[in-house]
Protein backbone atom coordinates (compact mmCIF):
# COMPACT_ATOMS: atom_id res chain seq x y z
CA UNK A 1 20.45 2.74 -18.34
CA UNK A 2 17.16 4.44 -17.31
CA UNK A 3 16.06 4.64 -13.79
CA UNK A 4 12.98 2.73 -12.40
CA UNK A 5 10.13 4.53 -10.69
CA UNK A 6 8.26 3.20 -8.00
CA UNK A 7 10.83 0.88 -6.28
CA UNK A 8 10.71 1.01 -2.51
CA UNK A 9 13.60 0.76 -0.23
CA UNK A 10 14.21 0.43 3.61
CA UNK A 11 17.18 1.96 5.23
CA UNK A 12 18.22 -0.13 8.12
CA UNK A 13 20.95 0.64 10.59
CA UNK A 14 23.59 -2.10 10.17
CA UNK A 15 25.06 -1.29 13.60
CA UNK A 16 23.51 0.65 16.72
CA UNK A 17 23.56 4.37 15.64
CA UNK A 18 25.24 6.27 18.49
CA UNK A 19 25.92 9.87 18.65
CA UNK A 20 28.97 11.31 20.19
CA UNK A 21 27.14 11.99 23.48
CA UNK A 22 26.33 8.11 23.87
CA UNK A 23 22.77 8.38 22.94
CA UNK A 24 21.40 5.38 20.96
CA UNK A 25 19.67 6.80 18.14
CA UNK A 26 18.71 3.56 16.33
CA UNK A 27 19.47 0.14 17.18
CA UNK A 28 20.95 -2.35 14.71
CA UNK A 29 18.33 -3.75 12.35
CA UNK A 30 15.93 -0.91 12.88
CA UNK A 31 14.40 0.55 9.83
CA UNK A 32 15.19 4.25 9.89
CA UNK A 33 13.57 5.48 6.85
CA UNK A 34 11.65 4.09 3.79
CA UNK A 35 12.03 5.76 0.46
CA UNK A 36 10.51 5.35 -3.16
CA UNK A 37 12.34 6.04 -6.37
CA UNK A 38 10.82 8.88 -8.39
CA UNK A 39 10.47 9.24 -12.34
CA UNK A 40 14.12 9.34 -12.53
CA UNK A 41 14.66 6.36 -10.55
CA UNK A 42 16.18 8.18 -7.59
CA UNK A 43 15.22 8.45 -3.97
CA UNK A 44 16.43 10.62 -1.04
CA UNK A 45 16.30 9.70 2.67
CA UNK A 46 15.48 11.92 5.32
CA UNK A 47 18.72 13.28 7.32
CA UNK A 48 20.39 10.53 9.00
CA UNK A 49 22.85 10.25 11.92
CA UNK A 50 26.28 9.32 11.24
CA UNK A 51 26.90 5.44 10.95
CA UNK A 52 26.69 2.22 9.04
CA UNK A 53 23.48 1.46 7.26
CA UNK A 54 22.20 -0.80 4.35
CA UNK A 55 19.41 -0.26 1.88
CA UNK A 56 17.22 -3.20 0.90
CA UNK A 57 14.67 -3.19 -1.70
CA UNK A 58 11.13 -4.04 -0.31
CA UNK A 59 9.17 -3.48 -3.57
CA UNK A 60 10.47 -3.22 -7.22
CA UNK A 61 9.17 -1.40 -10.15
CA UNK A 62 6.47 -3.52 -12.28
CA UNK A 63 8.13 -6.09 -14.34
CA UNK A 64 11.46 -6.32 -12.52
CA UNK A 65 12.65 -9.03 -10.22
CA UNK A 66 13.07 -7.93 -6.66
CA UNK A 67 16.90 -7.45 -5.51
CA UNK A 68 17.24 -8.80 -2.14
CA UNK A 69 20.65 -7.91 -1.59
CA UNK A 70 21.62 -5.55 1.36
CA UNK A 71 23.54 -2.66 0.01
CA UNK A 72 25.78 -1.13 2.56
CA UNK A 73 26.81 2.53 2.78
CA UNK A 74 28.16 4.56 6.03
CA UNK A 75 27.89 8.01 6.75
CA UNK A 76 31.11 9.34 8.24
CA UNK A 77 32.45 12.49 9.61
CA UNK A 78 34.21 14.41 7.00
CA UNK A 79 35.39 17.67 8.89
CA UNK A 80 33.94 20.93 11.06
CA UNK A 81 33.04 22.62 7.61
CA UNK A 82 31.01 19.98 6.10
CA UNK A 83 27.38 20.36 7.69
CA UNK A 84 25.98 17.06 5.70
CA UNK A 85 27.67 14.10 4.42
CA UNK A 86 26.02 11.93 1.91
CA UNK A 87 26.37 8.45 0.44
CA UNK A 88 24.87 6.90 -2.81
CA UNK A 89 23.78 3.26 -3.43
CA UNK A 90 23.13 1.98 -6.99
CA UNK A 91 20.97 -0.99 -7.62
CA UNK A 92 20.48 -2.91 -10.71
CA UNK A 93 17.21 -4.86 -11.22
CA UNK A 94 16.82 -7.65 -13.71
CA UNK A 95 13.82 -8.02 -15.88
CA UNK A 96 11.22 -10.94 -14.94
CA UNK A 97 11.55 -13.69 -17.41
CA UNK A 98 9.12 -16.52 -17.88
CA UNK A 99 9.62 -20.18 -19.58
CA UNK A 100 6.78 -21.64 -21.42
CA UNK A 101 6.61 -25.49 -22.17
CA UNK A 102 3.80 -26.87 -24.24
CA UNK A 103 3.62 -30.36 -25.38
CA UNK A 104 0.73 -31.10 -28.00
CA UNK A 105 -0.21 -34.84 -28.28
CA UNK A 106 -2.41 -36.10 -31.17
CA UNK A 107 -4.05 -39.42 -31.60
CA UNK A 108 -3.78 -41.12 -34.95
CA UNK A 109 -7.35 -42.48 -36.14
CA UNK A 110 -7.53 -46.22 -36.73
CA UNK A 111 -8.36 -45.76 -40.43
CA UNK A 112 -5.49 -43.27 -41.09
CA UNK A 113 -3.32 -43.71 -43.99
CA UNK A 114 0.37 -45.13 -43.33
CA UNK A 115 1.61 -41.71 -44.23
CA UNK A 116 -0.97 -39.41 -41.97
CA UNK A 117 0.95 -37.08 -39.95
CA UNK A 118 -1.52 -35.84 -37.25
CA UNK A 119 1.07 -32.89 -36.64
CA UNK A 120 0.99 -31.40 -40.07
CA UNK A 121 0.05 -27.72 -40.19
CA UNK A 122 -0.07 -27.54 -36.33
CA UNK A 123 1.33 -23.99 -35.66
CA UNK A 124 1.32 -22.64 -31.82
CA UNK A 125 1.70 -18.71 -31.27
CA UNK A 126 2.35 -16.89 -28.25
CA UNK A 127 0.58 -13.64 -27.66
CA UNK A 128 0.51 -10.96 -24.99
CA UNK A 129 -2.88 -9.99 -23.59
CA UNK A 130 -1.75 -6.64 -22.15
CA UNK A 131 0.53 -3.89 -23.39
CA UNK A 132 4.21 -4.84 -22.75
CA UNK A 133 7.07 -2.21 -22.24
CA UNK A 134 9.93 -3.19 -23.85
CA UNK A 135 13.56 -2.67 -22.72
CA UNK A 136 13.88 0.05 -25.44
CA UNK A 137 10.80 1.85 -24.18
CA UNK A 138 8.46 0.86 -27.02
CA UNK A 139 5.31 -0.57 -26.27
CA UNK A 140 4.08 -3.94 -27.61
CA UNK A 141 0.28 -3.69 -28.09
CA UNK A 142 -2.07 -6.31 -27.05
CA UNK A 143 -2.56 -9.67 -29.01
CA UNK A 144 0.57 -9.01 -30.94
CA UNK A 145 2.40 -12.46 -32.22
CA UNK A 146 5.30 -12.63 -29.96
CA UNK A 147 6.44 -16.05 -30.98
CA UNK A 148 5.47 -18.58 -33.53
CA UNK A 149 6.72 -22.22 -34.23
CA UNK A 150 5.42 -25.23 -36.04
CA UNK A 151 5.40 -28.20 -33.61
CA UNK A 152 6.75 -31.37 -34.95
CA UNK A 153 5.91 -35.15 -33.78
CA UNK A 154 7.08 -35.80 -30.36
CA UNK A 155 8.63 -32.46 -29.63
CA UNK A 156 7.87 -30.10 -27.03
CA UNK A 157 7.66 -26.27 -27.49
CA UNK A 158 9.87 -24.41 -25.05
CA UNK A 159 9.95 -20.65 -25.05
CA UNK A 160 12.78 -19.10 -23.00
CA UNK A 161 13.27 -15.72 -21.67
CA UNK A 162 9.94 -14.34 -22.43
CA UNK A 163 10.46 -10.77 -21.45
CA UNK A 164 7.37 -9.09 -19.53
CA UNK A 165 6.73 -5.73 -17.74
CA UNK A 166 4.61 -7.09 -15.37
CA UNK A 167 5.12 -7.72 -11.66
CA UNK A 168 1.56 -9.33 -11.16
CA UNK A 169 0.61 -12.81 -12.75
CA UNK A 170 -0.67 -12.47 -16.18
CA UNK A 171 -1.89 -14.73 -18.88
CA UNK A 172 -1.17 -15.29 -22.41
CA UNK A 173 -3.35 -17.21 -24.97
CA UNK A 174 -1.77 -19.91 -26.78
CA UNK A 175 -3.68 -20.86 -29.78
CA UNK A 176 -3.50 -23.74 -32.19
CA UNK A 177 -3.67 -22.28 -35.77
CA UNK A 178 -5.12 -25.53 -37.51
CA UNK A 179 -7.75 -26.46 -34.94
CA UNK A 180 -10.29 -24.72 -32.45
CA UNK A 181 -8.12 -25.74 -29.57
CA UNK A 182 -7.04 -22.59 -27.43
CA UNK A 183 -4.74 -22.70 -24.40
CA UNK A 184 -4.23 -20.09 -21.59
CA UNK A 185 -1.08 -20.43 -19.74
CA UNK A 186 -0.58 -18.51 -16.73
CA UNK A 187 2.85 -17.15 -16.06
CA UNK A 188 3.53 -15.71 -12.50
């Protein structure tokens, strides 16, 4: 698994952070630092006082679902010979996914033959209109066919788990191969 750059985390005091002299350095719930992951997917906070904290993701990397869990960690006294203690928090983000549903309805002309099938040769394709970064690191170029299916009478086209690399809304053109109809379905 590779690290994700551009994820932003708040470091929040879980409890009041109090030094041995009784001074309250941060109240429970206070954001004590905000960090952003680098190209390697790692981030480092400024020096913090000993105490209980949690990290919460405020902004995720493009194409990933925001992790809203609070990830607890504690900085505890080790011994008089350890000037700085540290803690590590690992966060896994899921890729954003979308489900697209399309249902095509066709009219049958009054003078159509009894065996006329208005759905014959109707093929729908799902295309991307921007580069998509695949999980393996390859780039899918725009307007490459991602999914294709012949639509049968009275059936809906359902495409599950279309993986994207965008955090902003994007649109994909859905086009009918056998007619001039073209549809754009926005996925947010």
